[in-house]
C-alpha atoms as a PDB file:
ATOM      1  CA  SER A   1     104.908  13.185 149.422  1.00  0.00           C
ATOM      2  CA  VAL A   2     101.171  11.843 149.303  1.00  0.00           C
ATOM      3  CA  ILE A   3      98.552  13.734 151.399  1.00  0.00           C
ATOM      4  CA  ALA A   4      95.328  11.546 151.457  1.00  0.00           C
ATOM      5  CA  ALA A   5      92.199  12.484 153.201  1.00  0.00           C
ATOM      6  CA  ALA A   6      88.958   9.684 154.501  1.00  0.00           C
ATOM      7  CA  ASN A   7      85.898  10.283 156.713  1.00  0.00           C
ATOM      8  CA  PRO A   8      84.934   7.925 159.301  1.00  0.00           C
ATOM      9  CA  ILE A   9      82.847   4.766 158.687  1.00  0.00           C
ATOM     10  CA  TYR A  10      79.423   5.987 159.999  1.00  0.00           C
ATOM     11  CA  GLY A  11      79.475   9.688 159.444  1.00  0.00           C
ATOM     12  CA  ASP A  12      80.563  10.581 162.981  1.00  0.00           C
ATOM     13  CA  TYR A  13      84.125   9.884 164.272  1.00  0.00           C
ATOM     14  CA  ASP A  14      84.004   8.307 167.501  1.00  0.00           C
ATOM     15  CA  VAL A  15      87.028   9.416 169.898  1.00  0.00           C
ATOM     16  CA  SER A  16      86.796   6.561 172.101  1.00  0.00           C
ATOM     17  CA  ILE A  17      88.094   4.296 169.220  1.00  0.00           C
ATOM     18  CA  PRO A  18      91.357   4.396 167.268  1.00  0.00           C
ATOM     19  CA  ALA A  19      91.972   6.245 164.136  1.00  0.00           C
ATOM     20  CA  GLY A  20      91.902   3.291 162.233  1.00  0.00           C
ATOM     21  CA  LYS A  21      88.720   1.541 163.667  1.00  0.00           C
ATOM     22  CA  ASN A  22      87.028   4.950 162.823  1.00  0.00           C
ATOM     23  CA  ILE A  23      88.188   5.195 159.049  1.00  0.00           C
ATOM     24  CA  GLY A  24      88.305   1.674 158.176  1.00  0.00           C
ATOM     25  CA  LEU A  25      91.776   1.353 157.272  1.00  0.00           C
ATOM     26  CA  PRO A  26      94.001  -1.587 158.087  1.00  0.00           C
ATOM     27  CA  ASP A  27      97.356  -0.778 160.252  1.00  0.00           C
ATOM     28  CA  SER A  28      99.238  -1.684 157.689  1.00  0.00           C
ATOM     29  CA  LEU A  29      98.308   1.014 155.463  1.00  0.00           C
ATOM     30  CA  LEU A  30      98.149   3.462 158.036  1.00  0.00           C
ATOM     31  CA  SER A  31     101.481   2.520 159.208  1.00  0.00           C
ATOM     32  CA  ARG A  32     102.923   3.752 155.994  1.00  0.00           C
ATOM     33  CA  PHE A  33     101.995   7.181 156.755  1.00  0.00           C
ATOM     34  CA  ASP A  34     104.140   9.763 159.068  1.00  0.00           C
ATOM     35  CA  LEU A  35     102.197  12.027 160.579  1.00  0.00           C
ATOM     36  CA  LEU A  36      98.325  11.554 161.334  1.00  0.00           C
ATOM     37  CA  PHE A  37      95.714  14.819 161.635  1.00  0.00           C
ATOM     38  CA  VAL A  38      92.144  14.099 163.043  1.00  0.00           C
ATOM     39  CA  VAL A  39      89.874  17.042 162.078  1.00  0.00           C
ATOM     40  CA  LEU A  40      86.741  17.414 164.356  1.00  0.00           C
ATOM     41  CA  ASP A  41      83.249  19.068 163.398  1.00  0.00           C
ATOM     42  CA  ASP A  42      82.231  20.222 167.248  1.00  0.00           C
ATOM     43  CA  LYS A  43      78.720  20.310 165.555  1.00  0.00           C
ATOM     44  CA  ASP A  44      77.563  24.035 167.273  1.00  0.00           C
ATOM     45  CA  PRO A  45      74.058  24.469 165.630  1.00  0.00           C
ATOM     46  CA  VAL A  46      74.589  28.757 165.661  1.00  0.00           C
ATOM     47  CA  VAL A  47      77.986  28.343 163.961  1.00  0.00           C
ATOM     48  CA  ASN A  48      76.481  25.888 161.551  1.00  0.00           C
ATOM     49  CA  GLY A  49      73.146  28.014 161.142  1.00  0.00           C
ATOM     50  CA  LYS A  50      75.390  31.099 160.412  1.00  0.00           C
ATOM     51  CA  ILE A  51      77.643  28.952 157.779  1.00  0.00           C
ATOM     52  CA  ALA A  52      74.309  27.495 156.151  1.00  0.00           C
ATOM     53  CA  GLU A  53      73.008  31.234 156.258  1.00  0.00           C
ATOM     54  CA  ARG A  54      75.784  32.761 154.385  1.00  0.00           C
ATOM     55  CA  VAL A  55      75.955  29.993 151.689  1.00  0.00           C
ATOM     56  CA  ILE A  56      72.449  30.554 150.772  1.00  0.00           C
ATOM     57  CA  LEU A  57      73.445  34.469 150.507  1.00  0.00           C
ATOM     58  CA  ASN A  58      76.204  33.667 148.265  1.00  0.00           C
ATOM     59  CA  HIS A  59      73.724  31.885 146.146  1.00  0.00           C
ATOM     60  CA  ARG A  60      70.524  33.265 146.249  1.00  0.00           C
ATOM     61  CA  PHE A  61      71.223  37.410 145.378  1.00  0.00           C
ATOM     62  CA  ARG A  62      73.865  36.572 142.942  1.00  0.00           C
ATOM     63  CA  SER A  63      73.445  37.526 139.223  1.00  0.00           C
ATOM     64  CA  ALA A  64      74.264  35.404 136.385  1.00  0.00           C
ATOM     65  CA  GLY A  65      78.066  36.112 135.334  1.00  0.00           C
ATOM     66  CA  GLU A  66      78.707  37.772 138.565  1.00  0.00           C
ATOM     67  CA  ASP A  67      81.768  37.030 140.509  1.00  0.00           C
ATOM     68  CA  LYS A  68      81.481  34.096 142.583  1.00  0.00           C
ATOM     69  CA  LEU A  69      83.847  35.117 145.197  1.00  0.00           C
ATOM     70  CA  ALA A  70      81.936  36.212 148.941  1.00  0.00           C
ATOM     71  CA  ASN A  71      80.882  39.623 149.695  1.00  0.00           C
ATOM     72  CA  PRO A  72      83.363  40.919 152.515  1.00  0.00           C
ATOM     73  CA  ASP A  73      81.197  43.312 153.624  1.00  0.00           C
ATOM     74  CA  HIS A  74      79.377  40.746 155.379  1.00  0.00           C
ATOM     75  CA  ASN A  75      82.270  39.858 157.661  1.00  0.00           C
ATOM     76  CA  ASP A  76      79.916  39.366 160.805  1.00  0.00           C
ATOM     77  CA  ILE A  77      79.204  35.681 159.569  1.00  0.00           C
ATOM     78  CA  TYR A  78      83.036  34.767 159.802  1.00  0.00           C
ATOM     79  CA  VAL A  79      83.624  32.844 163.015  1.00  0.00           C
ATOM     80  CA  GLU A  80      86.706  32.915 164.918  1.00  0.00           C
ATOM     81  CA  PRO A  81      87.785  29.543 166.518  1.00  0.00           C
ATOM     82  CA  GLU A  82      88.440  29.766 170.118  1.00  0.00           C
ATOM     83  CA  ILE A  83      92.055  27.991 171.443  1.00  0.00           C
ATOM     84  CA  ALA A  84      92.692  27.377 174.935  1.00  0.00           C
ATOM     85  CA  GLU A  85      95.752  28.667 176.104  1.00  0.00           C
ATOM     86  CA  THR A  86      97.157  25.601 176.940  1.00  0.00           C
ATOM     87  CA  ALA A  87      96.366  24.504 173.172  1.00  0.00           C
ATOM     88  CA  GLU A  88      97.761  27.620 171.783  1.00  0.00           C
ATOM     89  CA  GLU A  89     101.040  27.451 173.532  1.00  0.00           C
ATOM     90  CA  LYS A  90     101.746  24.133 172.559  1.00  0.00           C
ATOM     91  CA  ASN A  91     100.711  25.074 168.573  1.00  0.00           C
ATOM     92  CA  LYS A  92     103.495  27.468 169.061  1.00  0.00           C
ATOM     93  CA  VAL A  93     105.940  24.492 170.393  1.00  0.00           C
ATOM     94  CA  TYR A  94     104.961  23.178 167.608  1.00  0.00           C
ATOM     95  CA  GLU A  95     105.471  26.241 165.091  1.00  0.00           C
ATOM     96  CA  ASN A  96     108.960  26.670 166.930  1.00  0.00           C
ATOM     97  CA  ASP A  97     110.254  23.375 167.241  1.00  0.00           C
ATOM     98  CA  PHE A  98     109.023  20.742 165.075  1.00  0.00           C
ATOM     99  CA  ASN A  99     108.736  23.045 161.753  1.00  0.00           C
ATOM    100  CA  ALA A 100     112.453  23.567 162.390  1.00  0.00           C
ATOM    101  CA  THR A 101     113.212  20.145 162.507  1.00  0.00           C
ATOM    102  CA  LEU A 102     111.203  19.491 159.669  1.00  0.00           C
ATOM    103  CA  MET A 103     112.671  22.664 157.308  1.00  0.00           C
ATOM    104  CA  GLY A 104     116.289  21.432 158.678  1.00  0.00           C
ATOM    105  CA  GLU A 105     116.908  24.803 160.655  1.00  0.00           C
ATOM    106  CA  GLU A 106     119.009  24.727 163.827  1.00  0.00           C
END
């Protein structure tokens, strides 16, 4: 198995053009992959601000040699993704049907 990752050519993914053009790889190479997943960042300033604040807090107030894991007491910073009901239903179909097919379960 091979897992690969690629970033968009100019740093921003343009949903109006095909994936191959966005990442600058020829179709002959992309056709060798069975699955292609596109992960987009919605660029929400509020969420990005919370993430940045969390990263800064983790690095600013840590003593030398202290465990590098995040402090679980600051769970107000974590963001829960909002999934539309239709997308959630599609995900269930994917999990139940596609995974069963992939794993050979019937």
